[in-house]
PDB file of N, CA and C in Angstrom:
ATOM      1  N   MET A   1     151.003  75.059  91.109  1.00  0.00           N
ATOM      2  CA  MET A   1     149.419  75.099  91.448  1.00  0.00           C
ATOM      3  C   MET A   1     148.026  76.183  91.531  1.00  0.00           C
ATOM      4  N   SER A   2     146.392  76.189  90.731  1.00  0.00           N
ATOM      5  CA  SER A   2     146.351  77.265  90.060  1.00  0.00           C
ATOM      6  C   SER A   2     145.133  77.570  90.816  1.00  0.00           C
ATOM      7  N   GLN A   3     144.939  79.351  91.119  1.00  0.00           N
ATOM      8  CA  GLN A   3     144.123  79.539  92.304  1.00  0.00           C
ATOM      9  C   GLN A   3     143.093  79.167  91.865  1.00  0.00           C
ATOM     10  N   PRO A   4     142.224  78.295  93.125  1.00  0.00           N
ATOM     11  CA  PRO A   4     140.566  78.302  92.946  1.00  0.00           C
ATOM     12  C   PRO A   4     140.157  79.234  93.041  1.00  0.00           C
ATOM     13  N   ASN A   5     138.759  78.786  91.106  1.00  0.00           N
ATOM     14  CA  ASN A   5     137.480  79.607  90.555  1.00  0.00           C
ATOM     15  C   ASN A   5     136.752  79.957  91.998  1.00  0.00           C
ATOM     16  N   LEU A   6     135.862  81.365  91.965  1.00  0.00           N
ATOM     17  CA  LEU A   6     135.582  81.750  93.491  1.00  0.00           C
ATOM     18  C   LEU A   6     133.909  80.998  92.826  1.00  0.00           C
ATOM     19  N   VAL A   7     134.434  81.288  91.641  1.00  0.00           N
ATOM     20  CA  VAL A   7     132.052  80.305  91.406  1.00  0.00           C
ATOM     21  C   VAL A   7     131.938  78.574  91.160  1.00  0.00           C
ATOM     22  N   GLU A   8     132.909  78.636  91.485  1.00  0.00           N
ATOM     23  CA  GLU A   8     132.914  77.521  91.385  1.00  0.00           C
ATOM     24  C   GLU A   8     132.707  76.163  92.998  1.00  0.00           C
ATOM     25  N   GLU A   9     134.433  77.292  93.595  1.00  0.00           N
ATOM     26  CA  GLU A   9     134.131  76.910  94.999  1.00  0.00           C
ATOM     27  C   GLU A   9     132.500  77.878  96.088  1.00  0.00           C
ATOM     28  N   LEU A  10     131.691  78.981  94.990  1.00  0.00           N
ATOM     29  CA  LEU A  10     130.678  79.429  96.179  1.00  0.00           C
ATOM     30  C   LEU A  10     129.705  78.456  95.525  1.00  0.00           C
ATOM     31  N   ARG A  11     129.900  77.459  95.097  1.00  0.00           N
ATOM     32  CA  ARG A  11     128.720  76.104  94.348  1.00  0.00           C
ATOM     33  C   ARG A  11     129.033  75.083  94.610  1.00  0.00           C
ATOM     34  N   LYS A  12     130.353  74.800  95.776  1.00  0.00           N
ATOM     35  CA  LYS A  12     130.302  74.290  96.394  1.00  0.00           C
ATOM     36  C   LYS A  12     129.374  74.190  97.238  1.00  0.00           C
ATOM     37  N   ALA A  13     129.890  75.263  97.790  1.00  0.00           N
ATOM     38  CA  ALA A  13     129.477  75.929  99.154  1.00  0.00           C
ATOM     39  C   ALA A  13     127.965  75.186  99.919  1.00  0.00           C
ATOM     40  N   GLU A  14     127.703  74.876 100.881  1.00  0.00           N
ATOM     41  CA  GLU A  14     126.457  74.474 101.161  1.00  0.00           C
ATOM     42  C   GLU A  14     125.818  75.587 102.098  1.00  0.00           C
ATOM     43  N   VAL A  15     124.709  75.829 101.708  1.00  0.00           N
ATOM     44  CA  VAL A  15     123.094  76.564 102.379  1.00  0.00           C
ATOM     45  C   VAL A  15     123.840  76.578 104.027  1.00  0.00           C
ATOM     46  N   GLU A  16     123.108  77.801 104.313  1.00  0.00           N
ATOM     47  CA  GLU A  16     123.284  77.841 106.202  1.00  0.00           C
ATOM     48  C   GLU A  16     121.822  78.216 106.676  1.00  0.00           C
ATOM     49  N   PRO A  17     120.962  78.020 107.125  1.00  0.00           N
ATOM     50  CA  PRO A  17     119.734  78.781 107.477  1.00  0.00           C
ATOM     51  C   PRO A  17     120.347  79.769 108.278  1.00  0.00           C
ATOM     52  N   LEU A  18     119.796  80.597 108.344  1.00  0.00           N
ATOM     53  CA  LEU A  18     119.958  81.717 108.980  1.00  0.00           C
ATOM     54  C   LEU A  18     119.481  81.125 110.087  1.00  0.00           C
ATOM     55  N   LEU A  19     120.451  81.581 111.174  1.00  0.00           N
ATOM     56  CA  LEU A  19     120.062  81.477 113.345  1.00  0.00           C
ATOM     57  C   LEU A  19     119.167  82.596 113.344  1.00  0.00           C
ATOM     58  N   PRO A  20     119.200  81.964 114.513  1.00  0.00           N
ATOM     59  CA  PRO A  20     118.155  83.077 115.507  1.00  0.00           C
ATOM     60  C   PRO A  20     118.137  84.658 115.322  1.00  0.00           C
ATOM     61  N   ILE A  21     119.641  84.445 116.252  1.00  0.00           N
ATOM     62  CA  ILE A  21     119.750  85.900 116.518  1.00  0.00           C
ATOM     63  C   ILE A  21     119.977  86.714 115.067  1.00  0.00           C
ATOM     64  N   GLU A  22     120.398  85.963 113.645  1.00  0.00           N
ATOM     65  CA  GLU A  22     120.995  86.770 112.540  1.00  0.00           C
ATOM     66  C   GLU A  22     119.239  87.378 112.270  1.00  0.00           C
ATOM     67  N   LYS A  23     118.442  86.351 112.247  1.00  0.00           N
ATOM     68  CA  LYS A  23     116.730  87.233 112.085  1.00  0.00           C
ATOM     69  C   LYS A  23     116.405  88.212 112.924  1.00  0.00           C
ATOM     70  N   LYS A  24     116.734  88.048 114.506  1.00  0.00           N
ATOM     71  CA  LYS A  24     116.185  89.226 114.587  1.00  0.00           C
ATOM     72  C   LYS A  24     117.783  90.720 114.530  1.00  0.00           C
ATOM     73  N   LEU A  25     118.614  90.924 114.547  1.00  0.00           N
ATOM     74  CA  LEU A  25     118.984  91.643 114.037  1.00  0.00           C
ATOM     75  C   LEU A  25     118.896  92.526 112.768  1.00  0.00           C
ATOM     76  N   ILE A  26     118.185  91.043 111.450  1.00  0.00           N
ATOM     77  CA  ILE A  26     117.866  91.768 110.760  1.00  0.00           C
ATOM     78  C   ILE A  26     116.390  92.148 110.690  1.00  0.00           C
ATOM     79  N   GLY A  27     115.181  92.146 111.545  1.00  0.00           N
ATOM     80  CA  GLY A  27     114.101  92.540 112.089  1.00  0.00           C
ATOM     81  C   GLY A  27     114.481  93.541 112.226  1.00  0.00           C
ATOM     82  N   TRP A  28     115.568  93.672 113.329  1.00  0.00           N
ATOM     83  CA  TRP A  28     115.662  94.921 114.008  1.00  0.00           C
ATOM     84  C   TRP A  28     116.142  96.031 113.083  1.00  0.00           C
ATOM     85  N   SER A  29     116.903  95.726 111.902  1.00  0.00           N
ATOM     86  CA  SER A  29     117.733  96.300 111.295  1.00  0.00           C
ATOM     87  C   SER A  29     117.010  97.768 110.699  1.00  0.00           C
ATOM     88  N   LEU A  30     115.970  96.619 109.810  1.00  0.00           N
ATOM     89  CA  LEU A  30     114.895  97.022 109.431  1.00  0.00           C
ATOM     90  C   LEU A  30     113.552  97.872 109.549  1.00  0.00           C
ATOM     91  N   GLY A  31     113.393  98.007 111.146  1.00  0.00           N
ATOM     92  CA  GLY A  31     113.065  98.437 112.009  1.00  0.00           C
ATOM     93  C   GLY A  31     112.863  99.980 112.294  1.00  0.00           C
ATOM     94  N   ILE A  32     114.714  99.542 112.953  1.00  0.00           N
ATOM     95  CA  ILE A  32     114.968 101.056 112.883  1.00  0.00           C
ATOM     96  C   ILE A  32     115.284 101.906 111.396  1.00  0.00           C
ATOM     97  N   GLY A  33     115.549 101.254 110.401  1.00  0.00           N
ATOM     98  CA  GLY A  33     115.708 102.262 108.962  1.00  0.00           C
ATOM     99  C   GLY A  33     114.080 102.646 108.890  1.00  0.00           C
ATOM    100  N   ILE A  34     112.678 102.077 108.623  1.00  0.00           N
ATOM    101  CA  ILE A  34     111.465 102.005 108.603  1.00  0.00           C
ATOM    102  C   ILE A  34     111.277 103.298 109.522  1.00  0.00           C
ATOM    103  N   VAL A  35     111.469 103.258 110.581  1.00  0.00           N
ATOM    104  CA  VAL A  35     111.128 104.294 111.614  1.00  0.00           C
ATOM    105  C   VAL A  35     112.626 105.408 111.419  1.00  0.00           C
ATOM    106  N   LEU A  36     112.933 105.325 111.243  1.00  0.00           N
ATOM    107  CA  LEU A  36     114.184 106.710 111.030  1.00  0.00           C
ATOM    108  C   LEU A  36     113.633 107.100 109.423  1.00  0.00           C
ATOM    109  N   LEU A  37     113.379 106.873 108.470  1.00  0.00           N
ATOM    110  CA  LEU A  37     112.431 107.777 107.443  1.00  0.00           C
ATOM    111  C   LEU A  37     111.297 107.854 107.558  1.00  0.00           C
ATOM    112  N   VAL A  38     110.818 107.228 108.459  1.00  0.00           N
ATOM    113  CA  VAL A  38     109.411 107.883 108.964  1.00  0.00           C
ATOM    114  C   VAL A  38     109.051 109.752 109.601  1.00  0.00           C
ATOM    115  N   ILE A  39     110.735 109.223 110.365  1.00  0.00           N
ATOM    116  CA  ILE A  39     110.606 110.580 110.884  1.00  0.00           C
ATOM    117  C   ILE A  39     111.064 111.423 109.845  1.00  0.00           C
ATOM    118  N   LEU A  40     112.392 111.426 109.008  1.00  0.00           N
ATOM    119  CA  LEU A  40     113.004 111.932 108.273  1.00  0.00           C
ATOM    120  C   LEU A  40     111.586 112.391 107.517  1.00  0.00           C
ATOM    121  N   ALA A  41     110.751 111.921 107.399  1.00  0.00           N
ATOM    122  CA  ALA A  41     109.581 112.452 106.344  1.00  0.00           C
ATOM    123  C   ALA A  41     108.885 113.138 106.899  1.00  0.00           C
ATOM    124  N   VAL A  42     108.525 113.140 108.607  1.00  0.00           N
ATOM    125  CA  VAL A  42     107.801 114.637 109.203  1.00  0.00           C
ATOM    126  C   VAL A  42     108.381 115.234 109.258  1.00  0.00           C
ATOM    127  N   VAL A  43     109.958 114.669 109.489  1.00  0.00           N
ATOM    128  CA  VAL A  43     110.377 116.423 110.280  1.00  0.00           C
ATOM    129  C   VAL A  43     110.933 117.513 108.404  1.00  0.00           C
ATOM    130  N   ASN A  44     110.850 116.613 107.252  1.00  0.00           N
ATOM    131  CA  ASN A  44     111.235 117.035 106.194  1.00  0.00           C
ATOM    132  C   ASN A  44     109.519 118.216 106.109  1.00  0.00           C
ATOM    133  N   HIS A  45     108.590 117.219 106.476  1.00  0.00           N
ATOM    134  CA  HIS A  45     106.938 118.030 105.854  1.00  0.00           C
ATOM    135  C   HIS A  45     106.744 119.652 106.718  1.00  0.00           C
ATOM    136  N   LEU A  46     106.966 119.223 108.202  1.00  0.00           N
ATOM    137  CA  LEU A  46     107.133 120.440 109.101  1.00  0.00           C
ATOM    138  C   LEU A  46     107.762 121.362 109.037  1.00  0.00           C
ATOM    139  N   PHE A  47     108.983 121.443 108.282  1.00  0.00           N
ATOM    140  CA  PHE A  47     110.399 121.509 108.259  1.00  0.00           C
ATOM    141  C   PHE A  47     111.721 121.801 106.607  1.00  0.00           C
ATOM    142  N   PRO A  48     109.656 122.599 105.863  1.00  0.00           N
ATOM    143  CA  PRO A  48     110.965 122.265 104.418  1.00  0.00           C
ATOM    144  C   PRO A  48     112.182 123.245 104.447  1.00  0.00           C
ATOM    145  N   ALA A  49     113.236 122.270 103.977  1.00  0.00           N
ATOM    146  CA  ALA A  49     114.641 123.044 103.645  1.00  0.00           C
ATOM    147  C   ALA A  49     114.456 123.488 102.009  1.00  0.00           C
ATOM    148  N   SER A  50     114.497 125.085 102.407  1.00  0.00           N
ATOM    149  CA  SER A  50     114.410 126.357 101.592  1.00  0.00           C
ATOM    150  C   SER A  50     116.132 126.152 101.733  1.00  0.00           C
ATOM    151  N   LEU A  51     116.283 126.346  99.927  1.00  0.00           N
ATOM    152  CA  LEU A  51     117.089 126.571  99.856  1.00  0.00           C
ATOM    153  C   LEU A  51     117.004 128.076  98.826  1.00  0.00           C
TER     154      LEU A  51
END
Protein backbone atom coordinates (compact mmCIF):
# COMPACT_ATOMS: atom_id res chain seq x y z
CA MET A 1 0.00 0.00 0.00
CA SER A 2 1.50 3.34 -1.04
CA GLN A 3 1.52 6.38 1.16
CA PRO A 4 -0.88 9.20 0.21
CA ASN A 5 0.68 12.13 -1.59
CA LEU A 6 0.35 15.28 0.50
CA VAL A 7 -0.09 17.60 -2.49
CA GLU A 8 -2.92 15.48 -3.89
CA GLU A 9 -4.64 15.34 -0.51
CA LEU A 10 -4.45 19.12 -0.15
CA ARG A 11 -5.94 19.58 -3.62
CA LYS A 12 -8.84 17.28 -2.75
CA ALA A 13 -9.59 19.06 0.54
CA GLU A 14 -12.56 21.38 0.55
CA VAL A 15 -12.06 25.04 1.45
CA GLU A 16 -13.66 25.77 4.80
CA PRO A 17 -14.66 29.33 5.67
CA LEU A 18 -13.39 30.82 8.91
CA LEU A 19 -15.74 30.68 11.84
CA PRO A 20 -16.76 33.98 13.45
CA ILE A 21 -14.76 33.15 16.59
CA GLU A 22 -11.68 32.46 14.44
CA LYS A 23 -12.07 35.84 12.74
CA LYS A 24 -12.41 37.48 16.14
CA LEU A 25 -9.27 35.73 17.44
CA ILE A 26 -7.28 36.78 14.36
CA GLY A 27 -8.43 40.38 14.80
CA TRP A 28 -7.54 40.43 18.50
CA SER A 29 -4.13 38.88 17.85
CA LEU A 30 -3.27 41.40 15.14
CA GLY A 31 -4.58 44.27 17.26
CA ILE A 32 -2.57 43.24 20.32
CA GLY A 33 0.54 42.76 18.19
CA ILE A 34 0.26 46.22 16.63
CA VAL A 35 -0.42 47.88 20.00
CA LEU A 36 2.60 46.16 21.56
CA LEU A 37 4.81 47.23 18.65
CA VAL A 38 3.69 50.83 19.10
CA ILE A 39 4.38 50.65 22.84
CA LEU A 40 7.82 49.19 22.14
CA ALA A 41 8.60 51.96 19.66
CA VAL A 42 7.51 54.66 22.14
CA VAL A 43 9.52 53.14 25.00
CA ASN A 44 12.54 52.79 22.70
CA HIS A 45 12.19 56.42 21.64
CA LEU A 46 11.93 57.68 25.24
CA PHE A 47 14.58 55.38 26.69
CA PRO A 48 17.06 54.48 23.94
CA ALA A 49 19.35 51.56 24.65
CA SER A 50 23.00 52.59 24.77
CA LEU A 51 25.41 49.73 24.30
